[in-house]
Protein backbone atom coordinates (compact mmCIF):
# COMPACT_ATOMS: atom_id res chain seq x y z
CA MET A 1 -72.37 50.49 32.34
CA LYS A 2 -68.87 49.49 33.43
CA LYS A 3 -70.26 46.25 34.88
CA LEU A 4 -71.93 45.47 31.60
CA GLY A 5 -68.65 46.13 29.74
CA LEU A 6 -66.71 43.86 32.14
CA ILE A 7 -69.25 41.09 31.79
CA GLY A 8 -69.07 41.42 27.98
CA MET A 9 -65.26 41.27 28.04
CA SER A 10 -65.36 38.26 30.36
CA ILE A 11 -67.67 36.45 27.97
CA VAL A 12 -65.44 37.27 24.97
CA MET A 13 -62.33 36.05 26.87
CA MET A 14 -64.07 32.84 27.93
CA LEU A 15 -65.11 32.17 24.34
CA SER A 16 -61.55 32.88 23.17
CA PHE A 17 -60.12 30.40 25.67
CA ALA A 18 -62.73 27.83 24.69
CA ALA A 19 -61.91 28.33 21.02
CA CYS A 20 -58.19 27.93 21.72
CA GLY A 21 -58.96 24.79 23.66
CA ASP A 22 -61.01 23.48 20.75
CA ASP A 23 -58.17 24.18 18.32
CA LYS A 24 -55.74 22.39 20.59
CA ASN A 25 -58.04 19.39 20.84
CA LYS A 26 -58.45 19.41 17.07
CA ASP A 27 -54.66 19.40 16.68
CA ASN A 28 -54.35 16.51 19.13
CA THR A 29 -57.07 14.58 17.36
CA THR A 30 -55.37 15.11 14.02
CA ASN A 31 -52.01 14.03 15.44
CA SER A 32 -53.44 10.93 17.08
CA GLU A 33 -55.04 9.97 13.78
CA VAL A 34 -51.71 10.34 11.97
CA VAL A 35 -49.46 8.92 14.69
CA THR A 36 -50.53 5.37 15.47
CA GLU A 37 -49.82 3.58 18.72
CA GLU A 38 -46.51 2.25 17.39
CA GLU A 39 -43.41 2.07 19.48
CA VAL A 40 -40.61 4.57 19.14
CA ALA A 41 -38.35 3.78 16.18
CA ILE A 42 -35.78 1.12 17.04
CA THR A 43 -32.18 2.24 16.63
CA ASP A 44 -30.53 -1.21 16.84
CA SER A 45 -31.03 -4.83 17.87
CA LEU A 46 -29.55 -4.38 21.34
CA GLU A 47 -32.10 -1.70 22.19
CA ILE A 48 -34.91 -4.26 21.82
CA PHE A 49 -33.43 -6.51 24.51
CA ASN A 50 -32.47 -3.62 26.79
CA ASN A 51 -36.04 -2.31 26.67
CA VAL A 52 -37.63 -5.71 27.25
CA TRP A 53 -35.20 -6.72 30.03
CA ALA A 54 -35.93 -3.42 31.79
CA THR A 55 -39.58 -4.52 32.17
CA TYR A 56 -38.65 -7.61 34.19
CA GLY A 57 -39.25 -7.40 37.93
CA ASP A 58 -36.67 -8.65 40.42
CA ASP A 59 -38.73 -11.80 40.99
CA GLU A 60 -38.83 -12.51 37.22
CA LYS A 61 -35.16 -11.98 36.40
CA PHE A 62 -32.60 -14.74 36.07
CA SER A 63 -28.85 -14.73 35.49
CA ILE A 64 -28.14 -13.69 31.91
CA ALA A 65 -25.17 -12.93 29.71
CA GLY A 66 -25.14 -11.20 26.35
CA GLY A 67 -22.95 -10.60 23.33
CA ASP A 68 -20.60 -12.94 21.51
CA TYR A 69 -17.42 -14.73 22.62
CA ASN A 70 -15.23 -11.66 22.09
CA ASN A 71 -17.68 -9.08 23.47
CA SER A 72 -19.47 -10.83 26.31
CA VAL A 73 -21.50 -8.89 28.85
CA MET A 74 -22.56 -10.18 32.26
CA ASP A 75 -26.06 -9.56 33.65
CA ALA A 76 -27.22 -7.72 30.52
CA PRO A 77 -27.93 -8.24 26.83
CA GLY A 78 -25.02 -7.57 24.46
CA THR A 79 -24.18 -6.86 20.85
CA PHE A 80 -23.32 -9.87 18.69
CA ALA A 81 -20.89 -9.54 15.75
CA VAL A 82 -22.67 -10.60 12.56
CA SER A 83 -19.31 -11.25 10.88
CA ASP A 84 -18.76 -14.24 13.22
CA THR A 85 -21.03 -16.62 11.32
CA GLU A 86 -19.72 -19.68 13.15
CA SER A 87 -20.74 -18.27 16.54
CA LEU A 88 -24.05 -17.01 15.17
CA ASP A 89 -24.89 -20.57 14.25
CA ALA A 90 -23.44 -22.28 17.33
CA MET A 91 -24.91 -19.89 19.90
CA LEU A 92 -28.06 -18.43 18.34
CA GLY A 93 -28.99 -20.88 15.58
CA VAL A 94 -28.51 -18.52 12.63
CA PRO A 95 -27.33 -20.63 9.68
CA ALA A 96 -24.43 -19.37 7.56
CA ASP A 97 -26.68 -18.80 4.53
CA ALA A 98 -28.94 -16.51 6.60
CA ALA A 99 -26.13 -14.52 8.25
CA SER A 100 -25.65 -12.50 5.07
CA LEU A 101 -29.24 -11.21 5.40
CA ILE A 102 -28.56 -9.33 8.67
CA ASP A 103 -26.37 -6.34 9.47
CA GLY A 104 -26.90 -6.15 13.23
CA ALA A 105 -27.52 -8.58 16.07
CA ALA A 106 -27.75 -8.85 19.85
CA SER A 107 -28.14 -11.73 22.28
CA MET A 108 -29.20 -12.62 25.78
CA MET A 109 -28.85 -16.09 27.28
CA HIS A 110 -29.37 -17.89 30.52
CA MET A 111 -25.92 -18.04 32.13
CA MET A 112 -26.27 -21.56 33.52
CA ASN A 113 -27.76 -23.31 30.48
CA ALA A 114 -28.35 -21.81 27.04
CA ASN A 115 -31.13 -24.36 26.43
CA THR A 116 -33.07 -22.83 29.32
CA PHE A 117 -33.20 -19.49 27.49
CA THR A 118 -31.41 -18.10 24.45
CA ALA A 119 -32.63 -15.10 22.47
CA GLY A 120 -31.30 -13.26 19.45
CA ALA A 121 -32.43 -9.95 17.96
CA TYR A 122 -31.54 -9.17 14.35
CA HIS A 123 -31.72 -6.23 11.98
CA ILE A 124 -32.57 -7.38 8.47
CA ALA A 125 -30.39 -5.55 5.93
CA ASP A 126 -33.14 -5.62 3.29
CA ALA A 127 -36.71 -5.75 4.61
CA ALA A 128 -37.71 -7.88 1.59
CA ASN A 129 -35.69 -10.73 3.13
CA GLN A 130 -37.39 -10.77 6.54
CA GLN A 131 -39.55 -13.85 5.88
CA THR A 132 -36.66 -15.70 4.23
CA PHE A 133 -34.51 -15.06 7.28
CA CYS A 134 -37.30 -16.28 9.60
CA ASP A 135 -37.73 -19.47 7.57
CA LYS A 136 -34.01 -20.29 7.51
CA LEU A 137 -33.64 -19.54 11.22
CA LYS A 138 -36.61 -21.73 12.14
CA ASP A 139 -35.44 -24.66 10.02
CA ASN A 140 -31.92 -24.51 11.46
CA ILE A 141 -33.07 -24.38 15.09
CA MET A 142 -35.73 -27.07 14.62
CA ASN A 143 -33.16 -29.46 13.15
CA ARG A 144 -30.42 -28.97 15.74
CA GLN A 145 -28.78 -31.73 17.74
CA TRP A 146 -29.28 -30.51 21.30
CA MET A 147 -26.91 -31.15 24.19
CA CYS A 148 -27.72 -30.65 27.89
CA GLY A 149 -31.43 -31.28 27.37
CA PHE A 150 -33.98 -30.04 24.87
CA PRO A 151 -35.49 -26.55 24.97
CA ASP A 152 -39.29 -26.68 25.18
CA THR A 153 -40.33 -23.90 22.84
CA LEU A 154 -39.09 -21.77 19.95
CA ILE A 155 -40.60 -18.42 19.02
CA ILE A 156 -39.68 -16.20 16.09
CA VAL A 157 -41.17 -12.71 16.14
CA SER A 158 -41.08 -9.90 13.58
CA ILE A 159 -41.07 -6.28 14.70
CA GLY A 160 -42.01 -3.97 11.87
CA ASP A 161 -40.41 -5.07 8.63
CA SER A 162 -36.75 -4.74 9.64
CA TYR A 163 -36.30 -6.66 12.90
CA VAL A 164 -36.62 -10.29 13.94
CA VAL A 165 -36.35 -11.72 17.47
CA SER A 166 -35.96 -15.41 18.19
CA ALA A 167 -35.98 -17.19 21.54
CA PHE A 168 -35.88 -20.82 22.59
CA GLY A 169 -35.90 -22.47 25.98
CA ASN A 170 -38.10 -23.31 28.94
CA ALA A 171 -41.78 -22.88 28.02
CA GLU A 172 -42.62 -20.68 31.02
CA ILE A 173 -39.60 -18.41 30.52
CA ILE A 174 -40.37 -18.11 26.79
CA GLU A 175 -44.01 -17.25 27.51
CA THR A 176 -42.96 -14.47 29.90
CA PHE A 177 -40.46 -13.14 27.38
CA LYS A 178 -43.03 -13.23 24.57
CA THR A 179 -45.59 -11.37 26.70
CA LYS A 180 -43.10 -8.67 27.61
CA LEU A 181 -41.75 -8.33 24.07
CA THR A 182 -45.19 -7.94 22.51
CA ALA A 183 -46.27 -5.49 25.22
CA GLU A 184 -43.17 -3.35 24.68
CA TYR A 185 -43.46 -3.48 20.87
CA PRO A 186 -47.09 -3.35 19.69
CA SER A 187 -46.07 -4.06 16.07
CA ALA A 188 -44.48 -7.38 17.10
CA ALA A 189 -46.06 -10.36 15.35
CA ILE A 190 -45.47 -14.03 16.10
CA VAL A 191 -44.12 -15.60 12.91
CA TYR A 192 -43.48 -19.05 14.40
CA GLU A 193 -44.18 -20.68 17.74
CA GLU A 194 -42.99 -24.29 17.78
CA SER A 195 -42.47 -27.07 20.28
CA LEU A 196 -38.90 -28.37 20.48
CA ALA A 197 -39.59 -30.94 23.20
CA GLN A 198 -38.89 -34.51 22.12
């Protein structure tokens, strides 16, 4: 009789564990339906470059510098002051009439030649202006007078509705950067991809 009781209790316990497991799986299913495969919320423009640069292997990295003239960083991306509209235009290609649309920026550039690789990441102050910013940025970069050789390619990428990343330079380096950016940020969408080669 005791054996029968123990077997009965064992069956009840097994069913209880199975039911708990089912509930847990149901919770996970519900959560995965609600939480999409989006990246973690971005806190600022610099974080985008830090995350992407961290995915580069030693054989893929090149000498970079980041930031603006007053806050330069060696071998890493850096924050770029949006109040310095002259430098935004000269270094990153953001025209003065688009600078007012952003409230945060970061940069990373090839240390030897900015035309080999220059990238800017921007937080759009009002998400409604994201496309306007992209258009103004593209037009300004496409119409530049280049020194020290022409960059091959320009890309402008939106991430969600509040961030924009631009990069111009050597086609192979830009392709690698684009691949890593879009892998790191699944919501990234290519807004423009243009040839700058003359």
